[in-house]
């Protein structure tokens, strides 16, 4: 084929067309690259919180500026040391408080850590400057010794729980040693004893066993101080158990009666 002028003209036209396409592709590539780099490197707007910011705020507390329970309620006391004697019947623990915040306070719940504490709540909402008190009733039941108790108070709109505490000493009028008598199956059916040491004058007036297989004998070893409870099984051929109710002349519960256990184990 000869290299005619018309052929050379056609080649020049196609070359220019390809060059134009290459220039356009390069331009668009540079534009897209510049846009991506500019967007990825631009700083995060101040009004948009990142995940790291949310975590940091939750730790520092800057994300929840609400006042704490201590800022809106002032307690005269948060701990009480007390003693309880059965002759007292019941013990009332009083925790006075004052609303020191600028808004009304509503007590959402009061939760003691023991069913031996009863907390009536006749009034739940208190106005700014108003005073009130929580009256906590302690019921000893059969509990003795040092009682460490906690009462949790929840305020409406507050995450923080207020903890009130009490230490109550309850005397043990009758101390039994050991607490129970145990025989093994096949062991000699000999008598065993429980010693009752008394902190106050009283008498054991009667005993009653839930099983006729165990015989009970009451012995006043030292007047108004020590009693001995002697228990004898008829035999130890198989497993048995008995609850033995002792009644006393003590005028106040729970020491007007006492339960001891005897059993034969495998």
C-alpha atoms as a PDB file:
ATOM      1  CA  UNK A   1       0.000   0.000   0.000  1.00  0.00           C
ATOM      2  CA  UNK A   2       1.356   3.434  -0.887  1.00  0.00           C
ATOM      3  CA  UNK A   3       1.698   6.163   1.659  1.00  0.00           C
ATOM      4  CA  UNK A   4      -0.718   8.563   0.084  1.00  0.00           C
ATOM      5  CA  UNK A   5      -1.598  11.951   1.631  1.00  0.00           C
ATOM      6  CA  UNK A   6      -5.101  10.761   2.413  1.00  0.00           C
ATOM      7  CA  UNK A   7      -3.753   7.807   4.395  1.00  0.00           C
ATOM      8  CA  UNK A   8      -1.396   9.978   6.383  1.00  0.00           C
ATOM      9  CA  UNK A   9      -4.301  12.298   7.195  1.00  0.00           C
ATOM     10  CA  UNK A  10      -6.407   9.430   8.528  1.00  0.00           C
ATOM     11  CA  UNK A  11      -3.544   8.211  10.737  1.00  0.00           C
ATOM     12  CA  UNK A  12      -3.039  11.676  12.194  1.00  0.00           C
ATOM     13  CA  UNK A  13      -6.745  11.908  13.002  1.00  0.00           C
ATOM     14  CA  UNK A  14      -6.817   8.572  14.870  1.00  0.00           C
ATOM     15  CA  UNK A  15      -3.633   9.457  16.773  1.00  0.00           C
ATOM     16  CA  UNK A  16      -5.145  12.722  17.946  1.00  0.00           C
ATOM     17  CA  UNK A  17      -8.340  10.933  18.991  1.00  0.00           C
ATOM     18  CA  UNK A  18      -6.444   8.388  21.089  1.00  0.00           C
ATOM     19  CA  UNK A  19      -4.358  11.137  22.681  1.00  0.00           C
ATOM     20  CA  UNK A  20      -7.523  13.028  23.600  1.00  0.00           C
ATOM     21  CA  UNK A  21      -8.968   9.914  25.259  1.00  0.00           C
ATOM     22  CA  UNK A  22      -5.779   9.377  27.243  1.00  0.00           C
ATOM     23  CA  UNK A  23      -5.768  12.987  28.450  1.00  0.00           C
ATOM     24  CA  UNK A  24      -9.422  12.734  29.565  1.00  0.00           C
ATOM     25  CA  UNK A  25      -8.785   9.460  31.433  1.00  0.00           C
ATOM     26  CA  UNK A  26      -5.804  10.950  33.189  1.00  0.00           C
ATOM     27  CA  UNK A  27      -7.825  14.019  34.176  1.00  0.00           C
ATOM     28  CA  UNK A  28     -10.665  11.970  35.641  1.00  0.00           C
ATOM     29  CA  UNK A  29      -8.225   9.703  37.501  1.00  0.00           C
ATOM     30  CA  UNK A  30      -6.493  12.702  39.092  1.00  0.00           C
ATOM     31  CA  UNK A  31      -9.850  14.260  40.030  1.00  0.00           C
ATOM     32  CA  UNK A  32     -11.097  11.077  41.729  1.00  0.00           C
ATOM     33  CA  UNK A  33      -7.792  10.593  43.585  1.00  0.00           C
ATOM     34  CA  UNK A  34      -7.756  14.183  44.829  1.00  0.00           C
ATOM     35  CA  UNK A  35     -11.369  13.904  46.071  1.00  0.00           C
ATOM     36  CA  UNK A  36     -10.680  10.649  47.957  1.00  0.00           C
ATOM     37  CA  UNK A  37      -7.512  11.960  49.621  1.00  0.00           C
ATOM     38  CA  UNK A  38      -9.140  15.267  50.589  1.00  0.00           C
ATOM     39  CA  UNK A  39     -12.199  13.529  52.108  1.00  0.00           C
ATOM     40  CA  UNK A  40     -10.234  10.903  54.071  1.00  0.00           C
ATOM     41  CA  UNK A  41      -7.772  13.400  55.510  1.00  0.00           C
ATOM     42  CA  UNK A  42     -10.259  16.111  56.446  1.00  0.00           C
ATOM     43  CA  UNK A  43     -10.852  16.482  60.265  1.00  0.00           C
ATOM     44  CA  UNK A  44     -14.023  15.113  61.893  1.00  0.00           C
ATOM     45  CA  UNK A  45     -16.622  17.868  62.451  1.00  0.00           C
ATOM     46  CA  UNK A  46     -16.772  18.967  66.083  1.00  0.00           C
ATOM     47  CA  UNK A  47     -20.477  18.225  66.410  1.00  0.00           C
ATOM     48  CA  UNK A  48     -20.038  14.595  65.354  1.00  0.00           C
ATOM     49  CA  UNK A  49     -18.900  12.193  68.121  1.00  0.00           C
ATOM     50  CA  UNK A  50     -16.688   9.276  67.179  1.00  0.00           C
ATOM     51  CA  UNK A  51     -16.786   5.856  68.893  1.00  0.00           C
ATOM     52  CA  UNK A  52     -13.582   6.727  70.776  1.00  0.00           C
ATOM     53  CA  UNK A  53     -15.170   9.988  71.967  1.00  0.00           C
ATOM     54  CA  UNK A  54     -18.257   8.144  73.245  1.00  0.00           C
ATOM     55  CA  UNK A  55     -16.131   5.645  75.152  1.00  0.00           C
ATOM     56  CA  UNK A  56     -13.966   8.415  76.600  1.00  0.00           C
ATOM     57  CA  UNK A  57     -17.039  10.427  77.620  1.00  0.00           C
ATOM     58  CA  UNK A  58     -18.674   7.417  79.272  1.00  0.00           C
ATOM     59  CA  UNK A  59     -15.554   6.895  81.372  1.00  0.00           C
ATOM     60  CA  UNK A  60     -15.007  10.542  82.298  1.00  0.00           C
ATOM     61  CA  UNK A  61     -18.701  11.204  82.866  1.00  0.00           C
ATOM     62  CA  UNK A  62     -18.815  14.249  80.570  1.00  0.00           C
ATOM     63  CA  UNK A  63     -21.694  12.713  78.647  1.00  0.00           C
ATOM     64  CA  UNK A  64     -23.994  12.693  81.723  1.00  0.00           C
ATOM     65  CA  UNK A  65     -23.728  16.020  83.579  1.00  0.00           C
ATOM     66  CA  UNK A  66     -26.723  15.352  85.871  1.00  0.00           C
ATOM     67  CA  UNK A  67     -26.154  15.976  89.586  1.00  0.00           C
ATOM     68  CA  UNK A  68     -25.530  13.016  91.888  1.00  0.00           C
ATOM     69  CA  UNK A  69     -27.771  11.854  94.728  1.00  0.00           C
ATOM     70  CA  UNK A  70     -25.345  13.403  97.213  1.00  0.00           C
ATOM     71  CA  UNK A  71     -25.993  16.846  95.679  1.00  0.00           C
ATOM     72  CA  UNK A  72     -29.751  16.761  96.163  1.00  0.00           C
ATOM     73  CA  UNK A  73     -30.098  14.919  99.511  1.00  0.00           C
ATOM     74  CA  UNK A  74     -28.165  15.526 102.722  1.00  0.00           C
ATOM     75  CA  UNK A  75     -28.293  12.727 105.296  1.00  0.00           C
ATOM     76  CA  UNK A  76     -27.783  13.460 108.981  1.00  0.00           C
ATOM     77  CA  UNK A  77     -26.292   9.979 109.341  1.00  0.00           C
ATOM     78  CA  UNK A  78     -25.646   7.112 106.952  1.00  0.00           C
ATOM     79  CA  UNK A  79     -24.538   4.533 109.556  1.00  0.00           C
ATOM     80  CA  UNK A  80     -26.032   3.488 112.891  1.00  0.00           C
ATOM     81  CA  UNK A  81     -24.523   1.353 115.651  1.00  0.00           C
ATOM     82  CA  UNK A  82     -27.205  -0.160 117.898  1.00  0.00           C
ATOM     83  CA  UNK A  83     -27.911  -2.990 120.292  1.00  0.00           C
ATOM     84  CA  UNK A  84     -31.086  -5.015 120.557  1.00  0.00           C
ATOM     85  CA  UNK A  85     -32.419  -7.048 123.470  1.00  0.00           C
ATOM     86  CA  UNK A  86     -35.342  -9.459 123.108  1.00  0.00           C
ATOM     87  CA  UNK A  87     -37.225  -7.651 125.881  1.00  0.00           C
ATOM     88  CA  UNK A  88     -37.271  -4.529 123.649  1.00  0.00           C
ATOM     89  CA  UNK A  89     -39.617  -6.230 121.213  1.00  0.00           C
ATOM     90  CA  UNK A  90     -38.373  -4.292 118.185  1.00  0.00           C
ATOM     91  CA  UNK A  91     -35.690  -1.802 117.213  1.00  0.00           C
ATOM     92  CA  UNK A  92     -36.321   1.310 115.066  1.00  0.00           C
ATOM     93  CA  UNK A  93     -33.390   2.803 113.135  1.00  0.00           C
ATOM     94  CA  UNK A  94     -33.944   6.425 112.020  1.00  0.00           C
ATOM     95  CA  UNK A  95     -32.066   8.074 109.118  1.00  0.00           C
ATOM     96  CA  UNK A  96     -33.033  11.796 108.839  1.00  0.00           C
ATOM     97  CA  UNK A  97     -32.401  13.729 105.595  1.00  0.00           C
ATOM     98  CA  UNK A  98     -32.950  17.148 103.981  1.00  0.00           C
ATOM     99  CA  UNK A  99     -33.601  17.991 100.315  1.00  0.00           C
ATOM    100  CA  UNK A 100     -30.731  20.338  99.424  1.00  0.00           C
ATOM    101  CA  UNK A 101     -31.327  20.502  95.645  1.00  0.00           C
ATOM    102  CA  UNK A 102     -33.515  22.969  93.748  1.00  0.00           C
ATOM    103  CA  UNK A 103     -36.038  20.371  92.590  1.00  0.00           C
ATOM    104  CA  UNK A 104     -38.396  17.949  94.306  1.00  0.00           C
ATOM    105  CA  UNK A 105     -36.966  14.520  95.132  1.00  0.00           C
ATOM    106  CA  UNK A 106     -38.909  11.280  94.753  1.00  0.00           C
ATOM    107  CA  UNK A 107     -37.707   8.112  96.486  1.00  0.00           C
ATOM    108  CA  UNK A 108     -38.237   5.352  93.943  1.00  0.00           C
ATOM    109  CA  UNK A 109     -37.412   2.359  96.151  1.00  0.00           C
ATOM    110  CA  UNK A 110     -35.857   1.323  99.449  1.00  0.00           C
ATOM    111  CA  UNK A 111     -34.277  -2.159  99.415  1.00  0.00           C
ATOM    112  CA  UNK A 112     -32.859  -3.767 102.595  1.00  0.00           C
ATOM    113  CA  UNK A 113     -30.477  -6.715 102.315  1.00  0.00           C
ATOM    114  CA  UNK A 114     -32.404  -8.830 104.828  1.00  0.00           C
ATOM    115  CA  UNK A 115     -36.024  -9.722 105.533  1.00  0.00           C
ATOM    116  CA  UNK A 116     -35.287  -8.797 109.141  1.00  0.00           C
ATOM    117  CA  UNK A 117     -35.567  -5.121 108.086  1.00  0.00           C
ATOM    118  CA  UNK A 118     -38.930  -3.519 107.304  1.00  0.00           C
ATOM    119  CA  UNK A 119     -39.024  -0.036 105.759  1.00  0.00           C
ATOM    120  CA  UNK A 120     -42.475   1.598 105.465  1.00  0.00           C
ATOM    121  CA  UNK A 121     -42.505   4.560 103.051  1.00  0.00           C
ATOM    122  CA  UNK A 122     -45.655   6.672 103.682  1.00  0.00           C
ATOM    123  CA  UNK A 123     -44.231   9.658 101.749  1.00  0.00           C
ATOM    124  CA  UNK A 124     -42.171   9.352  98.573  1.00  0.00           C
ATOM    125  CA  UNK A 125     -41.839  12.913  97.209  1.00  0.00           C
ATOM    126  CA  UNK A 126     -40.165  15.758  99.097  1.00  0.00           C
ATOM    127  CA  UNK A 127     -39.928  19.431  98.090  1.00  0.00           C
ATOM    128  CA  UNK A 128     -36.720  21.563  98.107  1.00  0.00           C
ATOM    129  CA  UNK A 129     -35.730  22.375 101.686  1.00  0.00           C
ATOM    130  CA  UNK A 130     -38.114  19.770 103.122  1.00  0.00           C
ATOM    131  CA  UNK A 131     -36.885  17.309 105.745  1.00  0.00           C
ATOM    132  CA  UNK A 132     -37.832  13.680 106.135  1.00  0.00           C
ATOM    133  CA  UNK A 133     -36.589  10.429 107.581  1.00  0.00           C
ATOM    134  CA  UNK A 134     -36.445   6.734 106.843  1.00  0.00           C
ATOM    135  CA  UNK A 135     -37.627   4.581 109.723  1.00  0.00           C
ATOM    136  CA  UNK A 136     -36.205   1.069 109.502  1.00  0.00           C
ATOM    137  CA  UNK A 137     -37.678  -1.601 111.763  1.00  0.00           C
ATOM    138  CA  UNK A 138     -35.346  -4.421 112.806  1.00  0.00           C
ATOM    139  CA  UNK A 139     -36.911  -7.793 113.673  1.00  0.00           C
ATOM    140  CA  UNK A 140     -34.306 -10.088 115.213  1.00  0.00           C
ATOM    141  CA  UNK A 141     -36.189 -13.369 114.976  1.00  0.00           C
ATOM    142  CA  UNK A 142     -33.676 -16.072 115.901  1.00  0.00           C
ATOM    143  CA  UNK A 143     -30.653 -13.996 114.820  1.00  0.00           C
ATOM    144  CA  UNK A 144     -27.913 -13.415 117.361  1.00  0.00           C
ATOM    145  CA  UNK A 145     -24.501 -11.775 117.452  1.00  0.00           C
ATOM    146  CA  UNK A 146     -23.313  -8.908 115.245  1.00  0.00           C
ATOM    147  CA  UNK A 147     -25.684  -8.083 112.390  1.00  0.00           C
ATOM    148  CA  UNK A 148     -24.171  -6.046 109.516  1.00  0.00           C
ATOM    149  CA  UNK A 149     -27.031  -4.671 107.416  1.00  0.00           C
ATOM    150  CA  UNK A 150     -27.310  -2.484 104.284  1.00  0.00           C
ATOM    151  CA  UNK A 151     -30.301  -0.472 102.988  1.00  0.00           C
ATOM    152  CA  UNK A 152     -30.170   0.779  99.376  1.00  0.00           C
ATOM    153  CA  UNK A 153     -32.162   3.913  98.494  1.00  0.00           C
ATOM    154  CA  UNK A 154     -32.917   4.703  94.834  1.00  0.00           C
ATOM    155  CA  UNK A 155     -33.885   8.247  93.803  1.00  0.00           C
ATOM    156  CA  UNK A 156     -35.987   8.837  90.699  1.00  0.00           C
ATOM    157  CA  UNK A 157     -33.829  10.169  87.867  1.00  0.00           C
ATOM    158  CA  UNK A 158     -30.551   9.225  89.583  1.00  0.00           C
ATOM    159  CA  UNK A 159     -28.308   6.312  88.647  1.00  0.00           C
ATOM    160  CA  UNK A 160     -26.359   6.465  91.898  1.00  0.00           C
ATOM    161  CA  UNK A 161     -27.781   4.334  94.735  1.00  0.00           C
ATOM    162  CA  UNK A 162     -27.535   5.642  98.302  1.00  0.00           C
ATOM    163  CA  UNK A 163     -26.325   3.024 100.796  1.00  0.00           C
ATOM    164  CA  UNK A 164     -27.294   3.291 104.453  1.00  0.00           C
ATOM    165  CA  UNK A 165     -25.730   0.835 106.881  1.00  0.00           C
ATOM    166  CA  UNK A 166     -26.288  -0.471 110.398  1.00  0.00           C
ATOM    167  CA  UNK A 167     -24.415  -2.664 112.856  1.00  0.00           C
ATOM    168  CA  UNK A 168     -26.697  -4.280 115.425  1.00  0.00           C
ATOM    169  CA  UNK A 169     -25.553  -6.377 118.355  1.00  0.00           C
ATOM    170  CA  UNK A 170     -28.037  -9.048 119.439  1.00  0.00           C
ATOM    171  CA  UNK A 171     -27.198 -10.997 122.630  1.00  0.00           C
ATOM    172  CA  UNK A 172     -27.333 -14.774 122.651  1.00  0.00           C
ATOM    173  CA  UNK A 173     -29.407 -15.623 125.721  1.00  0.00           C
ATOM    174  CA  UNK A 174     -28.877 -19.373 125.274  1.00  0.00           C
ATOM    175  CA  UNK A 175     -25.689 -20.752 123.737  1.00  0.00           C
ATOM    176  CA  UNK A 176     -25.824 -24.432 122.767  1.00  0.00           C
ATOM    177  CA  UNK A 177     -22.649 -26.516 122.393  1.00  0.00           C
ATOM    178  CA  UNK A 178     -22.616 -28.505 120.221  1.00  0.00           C
ATOM    179  CA  UNK A 179     -25.449 -27.292 118.003  1.00  0.00           C
ATOM    180  CA  UNK A 180     -26.549 -30.842 117.103  1.00  0.00           C
ATOM    181  CA  UNK A 181     -25.904 -34.466 118.120  1.00  0.00           C
ATOM    182  CA  UNK A 182     -24.933 -37.040 115.478  1.00  0.00           C
ATOM    183  CA  UNK A 183     -24.524 -40.835 115.547  1.00  0.00           C
ATOM    184  CA  UNK A 184     -23.360 -43.103 112.739  1.00  0.00           C
ATOM    185  CA  UNK A 185     -25.332 -46.166 111.675  1.00  0.00           C
ATOM    186  CA  UNK A 186     -24.008 -49.149 113.620  1.00  0.00           C
ATOM    187  CA  UNK A 187     -22.391 -46.990 116.317  1.00  0.00           C
ATOM    188  CA  UNK A 188     -23.055 -47.792 119.980  1.00  0.00           C
ATOM    189  CA  UNK A 189     -26.372 -46.275 121.019  1.00  0.00           C
ATOM    190  CA  UNK A 190     -24.833 -44.309 123.876  1.00  0.00           C
ATOM    191  CA  UNK A 191     -26.124 -41.063 125.352  1.00  0.00           C
ATOM    192  CA  UNK A 192     -24.700 -37.776 124.092  1.00  0.00           C
ATOM    193  CA  UNK A 193     -25.084 -34.330 125.621  1.00  0.00           C
ATOM    194  CA  UNK A 194     -25.647 -30.708 124.618  1.00  0.00           C
ATOM    195  CA  UNK A 195     -24.643 -28.009 127.106  1.00  0.00           C
ATOM    196  CA  UNK A 196     -26.765 -24.847 127.306  1.00  0.00           C
ATOM    197  CA  UNK A 197     -24.946 -21.816 128.728  1.00  0.00           C
ATOM    198  CA  UNK A 198     -27.317 -19.068 129.882  1.00  0.00           C
ATOM    199  CA  UNK A 199     -26.535 -15.335 129.865  1.00  0.00           C
ATOM    200  CA  UNK A 200     -29.712 -14.622 131.841  1.00  0.00           C
ATOM    201  CA  UNK A 201     -31.621 -16.544 134.481  1.00  0.00           C
ATOM    202  CA  UNK A 202     -34.185 -18.962 133.041  1.00  0.00           C
ATOM    203  CA  UNK A 203     -35.368 -22.535 133.320  1.00  0.00           C
ATOM    204  CA  UNK A 204     -35.993 -25.242 130.738  1.00  0.00           C
ATOM    205  CA  UNK A 205     -39.561 -26.202 131.517  1.00  0.00           C
ATOM    206  CA  UNK A 206     -40.217 -29.020 129.027  1.00  0.00           C
ATOM    207  CA  UNK A 207     -38.941 -30.936 126.022  1.00  0.00           C
ATOM    208  CA  UNK A 208     -40.702 -32.625 123.117  1.00  0.00           C
ATOM    209  CA  UNK A 209     -39.105 -34.846 120.471  1.00  0.00           C
ATOM    210  CA  UNK A 210     -40.518 -35.280 116.974  1.00  0.00           C
ATOM    211  CA  UNK A 211     -39.408 -38.939 117.071  1.00  0.00           C
ATOM    212  CA  UNK A 212     -40.017 -41.505 119.807  1.00  0.00           C
ATOM    213  CA  UNK A 213     -36.740 -43.147 118.818  1.00  0.00           C
ATOM    214  CA  UNK A 214     -34.816 -40.555 120.886  1.00  0.00           C
ATOM    215  CA  UNK A 215     -35.162 -40.154 124.652  1.00  0.00           C
ATOM    216  CA  UNK A 216     -34.501 -36.708 126.177  1.00  0.00           C
ATOM    217  CA  UNK A 217     -33.406 -35.899 129.731  1.00  0.00           C
ATOM    218  CA  UNK A 218     -33.123 -32.340 131.142  1.00  0.00           C
ATOM    219  CA  UNK A 219     -30.470 -31.669 133.801  1.00  0.00           C
ATOM    220  CA  UNK A 220     -29.942 -28.315 135.541  1.00  0.00           C
ATOM    221  CA  UNK A 221     -26.175 -28.495 136.059  1.00  0.00           C
ATOM    222  CA  UNK A 222     -25.853 -25.017 137.587  1.00  0.00           C
ATOM    223  CA  UNK A 223     -28.940 -23.058 138.689  1.00  0.00           C
ATOM    224  CA  UNK A 224     -29.788 -20.265 136.208  1.00  0.00           C
ATOM    225  CA  UNK A 225     -26.458 -20.759 134.389  1.00  0.00           C
ATOM    226  CA  UNK A 226     -26.003 -24.190 132.783  1.00  0.00           C
ATOM    227  CA  UNK A 227     -28.390 -26.871 131.595  1.00  0.00           C
ATOM    228  CA  UNK A 228     -27.432 -30.245 130.140  1.00  0.00           C
ATOM    229  CA  UNK A 229     -29.622 -31.958 127.552  1.00  0.00           C
ATOM    230  CA  UNK A 230     -28.927 -35.715 127.461  1.00  0.00           C
ATOM    231  CA  UNK A 231     -30.238 -37.546 124.382  1.00  0.00           C
ATOM    232  CA  UNK A 232     -30.186 -41.322 123.887  1.00  0.00           C
ATOM    233  CA  UNK A 233     -31.246 -43.212 120.717  1.00  0.00           C
ATOM    234  CA  UNK A 234     -32.964 -46.602 121.155  1.00  0.00           C
ATOM    235  CA  UNK A 235     -30.638 -48.050 118.500  1.00  0.00           C
ATOM    236  CA  UNK A 236     -28.548 -46.973 115.515  1.00  0.00           C
ATOM    237  CA  UNK A 237     -29.663 -49.637 113.028  1.00  0.00           C
ATOM    238  CA  UNK A 238     -30.633 -47.144 110.323  1.00  0.00           C
ATOM    239  CA  UNK A 239     -30.730 -43.425 109.541  1.00  0.00           C
ATOM    240  CA  UNK A 240     -33.150 -41.415 111.658  1.00  0.00           C
ATOM    241  CA  UNK A 241     -33.554 -37.808 112.771  1.00  0.00           C
ATOM    242  CA  UNK A 242     -35.449 -35.807 115.329  1.00  0.00           C
ATOM    243  CA  UNK A 243     -36.136 -32.156 116.160  1.00  0.00           C
ATOM    244  CA  UNK A 244     -36.345 -31.596 119.891  1.00  0.00           C
ATOM    245  CA  UNK A 245     -38.305 -28.568 121.094  1.00  0.00           C
ATOM    246  CA  UNK A 246     -37.206 -27.082 124.410  1.00  0.00           C
ATOM    247  CA  UNK A 247     -39.525 -24.635 126.151  1.00  0.00           C
ATOM    248  CA  UNK A 248     -38.323 -22.117 128.732  1.00  0.00           C
ATOM    249  CA  UNK A 249     -39.841 -19.671 131.213  1.00  0.00           C
ATOM    250  CA  UNK A 250     -38.155 -16.716 129.455  1.00  0.00           C
ATOM    251  CA  UNK A 251     -40.855 -14.064 128.846  1.00  0.00           C
ATOM    252  CA  UNK A 252     -39.598 -12.786 125.467  1.00  0.00           C
ATOM    253  CA  UNK A 253     -39.237 -14.349 122.059  1.00  0.00           C
ATOM    254  CA  UNK A 254     -37.319 -16.019 120.572  1.00  0.00           C
ATOM    255  CA  UNK A 255     -35.820 -17.442 123.764  1.00  0.00           C
ATOM    256  CA  UNK A 256     -39.124 -18.770 125.099  1.00  0.00           C
ATOM    257  CA  UNK A 257     -38.310 -21.871 123.045  1.00  0.00           C
ATOM    258  CA  UNK A 258     -35.387 -23.526 121.340  1.00  0.00           C
ATOM    259  CA  UNK A 259     -34.916 -26.342 118.816  1.00  0.00           C
ATOM    260  CA  UNK A 260     -31.986 -28.776 118.827  1.00  0.00           C
ATOM    261  CA  UNK A 261     -31.354 -31.587 116.343  1.00  0.00           C
ATOM    262  CA  UNK A 262     -30.398 -35.226 116.791  1.00  0.00           C
ATOM    263  CA  UNK A 263     -29.820 -37.644 113.917  1.00  0.00           C
ATOM    264  CA  UNK A 264     -28.316 -40.959 112.894  1.00  0.00           C
ATOM    265  CA  UNK A 265     -26.385 -40.766 109.616  1.00  0.00           C
ATOM    266  CA  UNK A 266     -25.082 -43.437 107.202  1.00  0.00           C
END
